[in-house]
Amino acid sequence: MTTDGGLQVEVDRVACEGHALCLVYAPEVFDMDDEERAVVLLDPVPGELHAAVEEAAGNCPVQAIRLRSRAAS
């Protein structure tokens, strides 16, 4: 997903099981909260981190990360 208008990231906190793989792929964008659930640190995501966030979303074992173009908002 390549966008010129920016990339928005959302974590489904109900689906997230705290595997933390998103932190492996995009530690600048994700962190874990006190409930061991992923949270988004940067929204929208800067262009240089799009590939990392796409990898994080693609490798989430429970598909809890949703990406969308800001232009589509």
PDB file of N, CA and C in Angstrom:
ATOM      1  N   MET A   1       0.865  -1.170   0.000  1.00  0.00           N
ATOM      2  CA  MET A   1       0.000   0.000   0.000  1.00  0.00           C
ATOM      3  C   MET A   1       0.906   1.226   0.000  1.00  0.00           C
ATOM      4  N   THR A   2       0.977   1.909  -1.099  1.00  0.00           N
ATOM      5  CA  THR A   2       1.752   3.135  -1.171  1.00  0.00           C
ATOM      6  C   THR A   2       0.792   4.291  -1.288  1.00  0.00           C
ATOM      7  N   THR A   3       0.993   5.290  -0.452  1.00  0.00           N
ATOM      8  CA  THR A   3       0.097   6.428  -0.475  1.00  0.00           C
ATOM      9  C   THR A   3       0.891   7.710  -0.450  1.00  0.00           C
ATOM     10  N   ASP A   4       0.364   8.722  -1.099  1.00  0.00           N
ATOM     11  CA  ASP A   4       0.978  10.033  -1.057  1.00  0.00           C
ATOM     12  C   ASP A   4       0.347  10.874   0.046  1.00  0.00           C
ATOM     13  N   GLY A   5      -0.887  10.548   0.420  1.00  0.00           N
ATOM     14  CA  GLY A   5      -1.607  11.340   1.399  1.00  0.00           C
ATOM     15  C   GLY A   5      -1.371  10.922   2.829  1.00  0.00           C
ATOM     16  N   GLY A   6      -0.535   9.937   3.056  1.00  0.00           N
ATOM     17  CA  GLY A   6      -0.274   9.463   4.408  1.00  0.00           C
ATOM     18  C   GLY A   6      -0.959   8.127   4.657  1.00  0.00           C
ATOM     19  N   LEU A   7      -0.536   7.488   5.695  1.00  0.00           N
ATOM     20  CA  LEU A   7      -1.049   6.171   6.040  1.00  0.00           C
ATOM     21  C   LEU A   7      -1.529   6.215   7.479  1.00  0.00           C
ATOM     22  N   GLN A   8      -2.783   5.842   7.685  1.00  0.00           N
ATOM     23  CA  GLN A   8      -3.326   5.776   9.035  1.00  0.00           C
ATOM     24  C   GLN A   8      -3.301   4.331   9.512  1.00  0.00           C
ATOM     25  N   VAL A   9      -3.029   4.157  10.790  1.00  0.00           N
ATOM     26  CA  VAL A   9      -2.908   2.832  11.388  1.00  0.00           C
ATOM     27  C   VAL A   9      -3.873   2.738  12.561  1.00  0.00           C
ATOM     28  N   GLU A  10      -4.519   1.600  12.657  1.00  0.00           N
ATOM     29  CA  GLU A  10      -5.429   1.346  13.777  1.00  0.00           C
ATOM     30  C   GLU A  10      -5.186  -0.066  14.282  1.00  0.00           C
ATOM     31  N   VAL A  11      -5.167  -0.227  15.590  1.00  0.00           N
ATOM     32  CA  VAL A  11      -5.038  -1.549  16.198  1.00  0.00           C
ATOM     33  C   VAL A  11      -6.379  -1.920  16.807  1.00  0.00           C
ATOM     34  N   ASP A  12      -6.882  -3.090  16.435  1.00  0.00           N
ATOM     35  CA  ASP A  12      -8.098  -3.626  17.029  1.00  0.00           C
ATOM     36  C   ASP A  12      -7.710  -4.207  18.386  1.00  0.00           C
ATOM     37  N   ARG A  13      -8.015  -3.474  19.433  1.00  0.00           N
ATOM     38  CA  ARG A  13      -7.585  -3.877  20.773  1.00  0.00           C
ATOM     39  C   ARG A  13      -8.299  -5.136  21.277  1.00  0.00           C
ATOM     40  N   VAL A  14      -9.429  -5.461  20.715  1.00  0.00           N
ATOM     41  CA  VAL A  14     -10.112  -6.700  21.084  1.00  0.00           C
ATOM     42  C   VAL A  14      -9.393  -7.886  20.447  1.00  0.00           C
ATOM     43  N   ALA A  15      -8.984  -7.734  19.204  1.00  0.00           N
ATOM     44  CA  ALA A  15      -8.301  -8.814  18.485  1.00  0.00           C
ATOM     45  C   ALA A  15      -6.851  -8.986  18.935  1.00  0.00           C
ATOM     46  N   CYS A  16      -6.190  -7.894  19.302  1.00  0.00           N
ATOM     47  CA  CYS A  16      -4.770  -7.938  19.665  1.00  0.00           C
ATOM     48  C   CYS A  16      -4.573  -8.879  20.858  1.00  0.00           C
ATOM     49  N   GLU A  17      -3.629  -9.800  20.703  1.00  0.00           N
ATOM     50  CA  GLU A  17      -3.306 -10.746  21.774  1.00  0.00           C
ATOM     51  C   GLU A  17      -1.955 -10.460  22.413  1.00  0.00           C
ATOM     52  N   GLY A  18      -1.318  -9.350  22.016  1.00  0.00           N
ATOM     53  CA  GLY A  18      -0.066  -8.959  22.644  1.00  0.00           C
ATOM     54  C   GLY A  18       1.155  -9.735  22.196  1.00  0.00           C
ATOM     55  N   HIS A  19       1.159 -10.265  20.990  1.00  0.00           N
ATOM     56  CA  HIS A  19       2.321 -10.998  20.479  1.00  0.00           C
ATOM     57  C   HIS A  19       3.530 -10.079  20.284  1.00  0.00           C
ATOM     58  N   ALA A  20       3.285  -8.793  20.057  1.00  0.00           N
ATOM     59  CA  ALA A  20       4.312  -7.754  19.934  1.00  0.00           C
ATOM     60  C   ALA A  20       5.179  -7.869  18.689  1.00  0.00           C
ATOM     61  N   LEU A  21       4.743  -8.608  17.686  1.00  0.00           N
ATOM     62  CA  LEU A  21       5.504  -8.662  16.444  1.00  0.00           C
ATOM     63  C   LEU A  21       5.527  -7.311  15.743  1.00  0.00           C
ATOM     64  N   CYS A  22       4.510  -6.508  15.947  1.00  0.00           N
ATOM     65  CA  CYS A  22       4.488  -5.174  15.342  1.00  0.00           C
ATOM     66  C   CYS A  22       5.679  -4.351  15.820  1.00  0.00           C
ATOM     67  N   LEU A  23       6.101  -4.554  17.052  1.00  0.00           N
ATOM     68  CA  LEU A  23       7.260  -3.843  17.582  1.00  0.00           C
ATOM     69  C   LEU A  23       8.547  -4.305  16.919  1.00  0.00           C
ATOM     70  N   VAL A  24       8.593  -5.549  16.507  1.00  0.00           N
ATOM     71  CA  VAL A  24       9.772  -6.068  15.812  1.00  0.00           C
ATOM     72  C   VAL A  24       9.917  -5.375  14.460  1.00  0.00           C
ATOM     73  N   TYR A  25       8.802  -5.208  13.752  1.00  0.00           N
ATOM     74  CA  TYR A  25       8.837  -4.637  12.410  1.00  0.00           C
ATOM     75  C   TYR A  25       8.824  -3.113  12.395  1.00  0.00           C
ATOM     76  N   ALA A  26       8.142  -2.484  13.320  1.00  0.00           N
ATOM     77  CA  ALA A  26       7.993  -1.022  13.302  1.00  0.00           C
ATOM     78  C   ALA A  26       7.986  -0.457  14.726  1.00  0.00           C
ATOM     79  N   PRO A  27       9.124  -0.521  15.418  1.00  0.00           N
ATOM     80  CA  PRO A  27       9.162  -0.045  16.803  1.00  0.00           C
ATOM     81  C   PRO A  27       8.939   1.463  16.931  1.00  0.00           C
ATOM     82  N   GLU A  28       9.132   2.198  15.855  1.00  0.00           N
ATOM     83  CA  GLU A  28       8.900   3.641  15.886  1.00  0.00           C
ATOM     84  C   GLU A  28       7.412   3.981  15.887  1.00  0.00           C
ATOM     85  N   VAL A  29       6.607   3.013  15.446  1.00  0.00           N
ATOM     86  CA  VAL A  29       5.171   3.251  15.260  1.00  0.00           C
ATOM     87  C   VAL A  29       4.329   2.594  16.346  1.00  0.00           C
ATOM     88  N   PHE A  30       4.777   1.469  16.878  1.00  0.00           N
ATOM     89  CA  PHE A  30       3.985   0.707  17.843  1.00  0.00           C
ATOM     90  C   PHE A  30       4.684   0.608  19.196  1.00  0.00           C
ATOM     91  N   ASP A  31       3.876   0.456  20.224  1.00  0.00           N
ATOM     92  CA  ASP A  31       4.361   0.164  21.567  1.00  0.00           C
ATOM     93  C   ASP A  31       3.306  -0.718  22.230  1.00  0.00           C
ATOM     94  N   MET A  32       3.610  -1.212  23.409  1.00  0.00           N
ATOM     95  CA  MET A  32       2.653  -2.019  24.159  1.00  0.00           C
ATOM     96  C   MET A  32       2.218  -1.216  25.382  1.00  0.00           C
ATOM     97  N   ASP A  33       0.930  -1.312  25.722  1.00  0.00           N
ATOM     98  CA  ASP A  33       0.423  -0.599  26.891  1.00  0.00           C
ATOM     99  C   ASP A  33       0.451  -1.509  28.119  1.00  0.00           C
ATOM    100  N   ASP A  34      -0.087  -1.027  29.207  1.00  0.00           N
ATOM    101  CA  ASP A  34      -0.090  -1.779  30.464  1.00  0.00           C
ATOM    102  C   ASP A  34      -0.931  -3.050  30.403  1.00  0.00           C
ATOM    103  N   GLU A  35      -1.823  -3.128  29.418  1.00  0.00           N
ATOM    104  CA  GLU A  35      -2.668  -4.310  29.261  1.00  0.00           C
ATOM    105  C   GLU A  35      -2.078  -5.291  28.255  1.00  0.00           C
ATOM    106  N   GLU A  36      -0.810  -5.046  27.848  1.00  0.00           N
ATOM    107  CA  GLU A  36      -0.125  -5.902  26.883  1.00  0.00           C
ATOM    108  C   GLU A  36      -0.810  -5.905  25.516  1.00  0.00           C
ATOM    109  N   ARG A  37      -1.338  -4.757  25.127  1.00  0.00           N
ATOM    110  CA  ARG A  37      -1.966  -4.584  23.820  1.00  0.00           C
ATOM    111  C   ARG A  37      -1.185  -3.527  23.059  1.00  0.00           C
ATOM    112  N   ALA A  38      -1.119  -3.697  21.746  1.00  0.00           N
ATOM    113  CA  ALA A  38      -0.394  -2.745  20.912  1.00  0.00           C
ATOM    114  C   ALA A  38      -1.129  -1.414  20.845  1.00  0.00           C
ATOM    115  N   VAL A  39      -0.359  -0.351  20.831  1.00  0.00           N
ATOM    116  CA  VAL A  39      -0.879   0.994  20.639  1.00  0.00           C
ATOM    117  C   VAL A  39      -0.063   1.662  19.543  1.00  0.00           C
ATOM    118  N   VAL A  40      -0.689   2.592  18.844  1.00  0.00           N
ATOM    119  CA  VAL A  40      -0.052   3.320  17.756  1.00  0.00           C
ATOM    120  C   VAL A  40       0.556   4.605  18.308  1.00  0.00           C
ATOM    121  N   LEU A  41       1.822   4.828  18.003  1.00  0.00           N
ATOM    122  CA  LEU A  41       2.522   6.026  18.464  1.00  0.00           C
ATOM    123  C   LEU A  41       2.499   7.148  17.428  1.00  0.00           C
ATOM    124  N   LEU A  42       2.478   6.802  16.155  1.00  0.00           N
ATOM    125  CA  LEU A  42       2.516   7.794  15.074  1.00  0.00           C
ATOM    126  C   LEU A  42       1.334   7.596  14.142  1.00  0.00           C
ATOM    127  N   ASP A  43       0.500   8.594  14.036  1.00  0.00           N
ATOM    128  CA  ASP A  43      -0.641   8.518  13.129  1.00  0.00           C
ATOM    129  C   ASP A  43      -0.949   9.927  12.643  1.00  0.00           C
ATOM    130  N   PRO A  44      -0.758  10.221  11.389  1.00  0.00           N
ATOM    131  CA  PRO A  44      -0.403   9.306  10.310  1.00  0.00           C
ATOM    132  C   PRO A  44       1.069   8.893  10.360  1.00  0.00           C
ATOM    133  N   VAL A  45       1.356   7.805   9.681  1.00  0.00           N
ATOM    134  CA  VAL A  45       2.699   7.256   9.618  1.00  0.00           C
ATOM    135  C   VAL A  45       3.495   7.997   8.554  1.00  0.00           C
ATOM    136  N   PRO A  46       4.694   8.456   8.889  1.00  0.00           N
ATOM    137  CA  PRO A  46       5.543   9.111   7.890  1.00  0.00           C
ATOM    138  C   PRO A  46       5.890   8.148   6.745  1.00  0.00           C
ATOM    139  N   GLY A  47       6.056   8.695   5.576  1.00  0.00           N
ATOM    140  CA  GLY A  47       6.323   7.895   4.380  1.00  0.00           C
ATOM    141  C   GLY A  47       7.466   6.919   4.507  1.00  0.00           C
ATOM    142  N   GLU A  48       8.521   7.303   5.192  1.00  0.00           N
ATOM    143  CA  GLU A  48       9.689   6.421   5.304  1.00  0.00           C
ATOM    144  C   GLU A  48       9.412   5.188   6.161  1.00  0.00           C
ATOM    145  N   LEU A  49       8.297   5.176   6.897  1.00  0.00           N
ATOM    146  CA  LEU A  49       7.960   4.028   7.740  1.00  0.00           C
ATOM    147  C   LEU A  49       6.815   3.186   7.175  1.00  0.00           C
ATOM    148  N   HIS A  50       6.282   3.559   6.013  1.00  0.00           N
ATOM    149  CA  HIS A  50       5.159   2.814   5.430  1.00  0.00           C
ATOM    150  C   HIS A  50       5.493   1.337   5.240  1.00  0.00           C
ATOM    151  N   ALA A  51       6.650   1.043   4.670  1.00  0.00           N
ATOM    152  CA  ALA A  51       7.002  -0.359   4.405  1.00  0.00           C
ATOM    153  C   ALA A  51       7.075  -1.158   5.701  1.00  0.00           C
ATOM    154  N   ALA A  52       7.641  -0.577   6.742  1.00  0.00           N
ATOM    155  CA  ALA A  52       7.751  -1.271   8.027  1.00  0.00           C
ATOM    156  C   ALA A  52       6.375  -1.552   8.619  1.00  0.00           C
ATOM    157  N   VAL A  53       5.472  -0.574   8.518  1.00  0.00           N
ATOM    158  CA  VAL A  53       4.117  -0.748   9.055  1.00  0.00           C
ATOM    159  C   VAL A  53       3.352  -1.796   8.244  1.00  0.00           C
ATOM    160  N   GLU A  54       3.543  -1.803   6.948  1.00  0.00           N
ATOM    161  CA  GLU A  54       2.905  -2.821   6.111  1.00  0.00           C
ATOM    162  C   GLU A  54       3.404  -4.216   6.485  1.00  0.00           C
ATOM    163  N   GLU A  55       4.705  -4.337   6.778  1.00  0.00           N
ATOM    164  CA  GLU A  55       5.271  -5.618   7.236  1.00  0.00           C
ATOM    165  C   GLU A  55       4.656  -6.015   8.573  1.00  0.00           C
ATOM    166  N   ALA A  56       4.532  -5.059   9.477  1.00  0.00           N
ATOM    167  CA  ALA A  56       3.941  -5.340  10.784  1.00  0.00           C
ATOM    168  C   ALA A  56       2.511  -5.838  10.633  1.00  0.00           C
ATOM    169  N   ALA A  57       1.733  -5.157   9.812  1.00  0.00           N
ATOM    170  CA  ALA A  57       0.335  -5.560   9.601  1.00  0.00           C
ATOM    171  C   ALA A  57       0.260  -6.940   8.955  1.00  0.00           C
ATOM    172  N   GLY A  58       1.112  -7.184   7.982  1.00  0.00           N
ATOM    173  CA  GLY A  58       1.096  -8.462   7.283  1.00  0.00           C
ATOM    174  C   GLY A  58       1.544  -9.628   8.136  1.00  0.00           C
ATOM    175  N   ASN A  59       2.316  -9.355   9.182  1.00  0.00           N
ATOM    176  CA  ASN A  59       2.840 -10.413  10.034  1.00  0.00           C
ATOM    177  C   ASN A  59       2.136 -10.531  11.374  1.00  0.00           C
ATOM    178  N   CYS A  60       1.111  -9.723  11.594  1.00  0.00           N
ATOM    179  CA  CYS A  60       0.345  -9.835  12.838  1.00  0.00           C
ATOM    180  C   CYS A  60      -0.418 -11.162  12.813  1.00  0.00           C
ATOM    181  N   PRO A  61      -0.174 -12.036  13.773  1.00  0.00           N
ATOM    182  CA  PRO A  61      -0.805 -13.364  13.738  1.00  0.00           C
ATOM    183  C   PRO A  61      -2.324 -13.341  13.871  1.00  0.00           C
ATOM    184  N   VAL A  62      -2.886 -12.254  14.395  1.00  0.00           N
ATOM    185  CA  VAL A  62      -4.339 -12.180  14.549  1.00  0.00           C
ATOM    186  C   VAL A  62      -4.948 -11.072  13.684  1.00  0.00           C
ATOM    187  N   GLN A  63      -4.142 -10.509  12.796  1.00  0.00           N
ATOM    188  CA  GLN A  63      -4.589  -9.470  11.862  1.00  0.00           C
ATOM    189  C   GLN A  63      -5.310  -8.327  12.579  1.00  0.00           C
ATOM    190  N   ALA A  64      -4.693  -7.859  13.656  1.00  0.00           N
ATOM    191  CA  ALA A  64      -5.297  -6.797  14.462  1.00  0.00           C
ATOM    192  C   ALA A  64      -4.927  -5.394  13.986  1.00  0.00           C
ATOM    193  N   ILE A  65      -4.047  -5.298  12.978  1.00  0.00           N
ATOM    194  CA  ILE A  65      -3.591  -3.990  12.501  1.00  0.00           C
ATOM    195  C   ILE A  65      -4.289  -3.669  11.180  1.00  0.00           C
ATOM    196  N   ARG A  66      -4.924  -2.506  11.150  1.00  0.00           N
ATOM    197  CA  ARG A  66      -5.611  -2.056   9.934  1.00  0.00           C
ATOM    198  C   ARG A  66      -4.906  -0.809   9.405  1.00  0.00           C
ATOM    199  N   LEU A  67      -4.709  -0.787   8.104  1.00  0.00           N
ATOM    200  CA  LEU A  67      -4.067   0.338   7.439  1.00  0.00           C
ATOM    201  C   LEU A  67      -5.039   0.948   6.457  1.00  0.00           C
ATOM    202  N   ARG A  68      -4.972   2.274   6.323  1.00  0.00           N
ATOM    203  CA  ARG A  68      -5.768   2.923   5.290  1.00  0.00           C
ATOM    204  C   ARG A  68      -5.093   4.230   4.890  1.00  0.00           C
ATOM    205  N   SER A  69      -5.338   4.596   3.678  1.00  0.00           N
ATOM    206  CA  SER A  69      -4.775   5.825   3.137  1.00  0.00           C
ATOM    207  C   SER A  69      -5.516   7.006   3.721  1.00  0.00           C
ATOM    208  N   ARG A  70      -4.800   8.054   4.085  1.00  0.00           N
ATOM    209  CA  ARG A  70      -5.459   9.270   4.562  1.00  0.00           C
ATOM    210  C   ARG A  70      -6.311   9.869   3.480  1.00  0.00           C
ATOM    211  N   ALA A  71      -5.899   9.700   2.247  1.00  0.00           N
ATOM    212  CA  ALA A  71      -6.663  10.245   1.125  1.00  0.00           C
ATOM    213  C   ALA A  71      -8.043   9.598   1.040  1.00  0.00           C
ATOM    214  N   ALA A  72      -8.156   8.364   1.555  1.00  0.00           N
ATOM    215  CA  ALA A  72      -9.431   7.645   1.493  1.00  0.00           C
ATOM    216  C   ALA A  72     -10.338   7.992   2.659  1.00  0.00           C
ATOM    217  N   SER A  73      -9.843   8.765   3.618  1.00  0.00           N
ATOM    218  CA  SER A  73     -10.652   9.099   4.807  1.00  0.00           C
ATOM    219  C   SER A  73     -11.752  10.060   4.471  1.00  0.00           C
TER     220      SER A  73
END
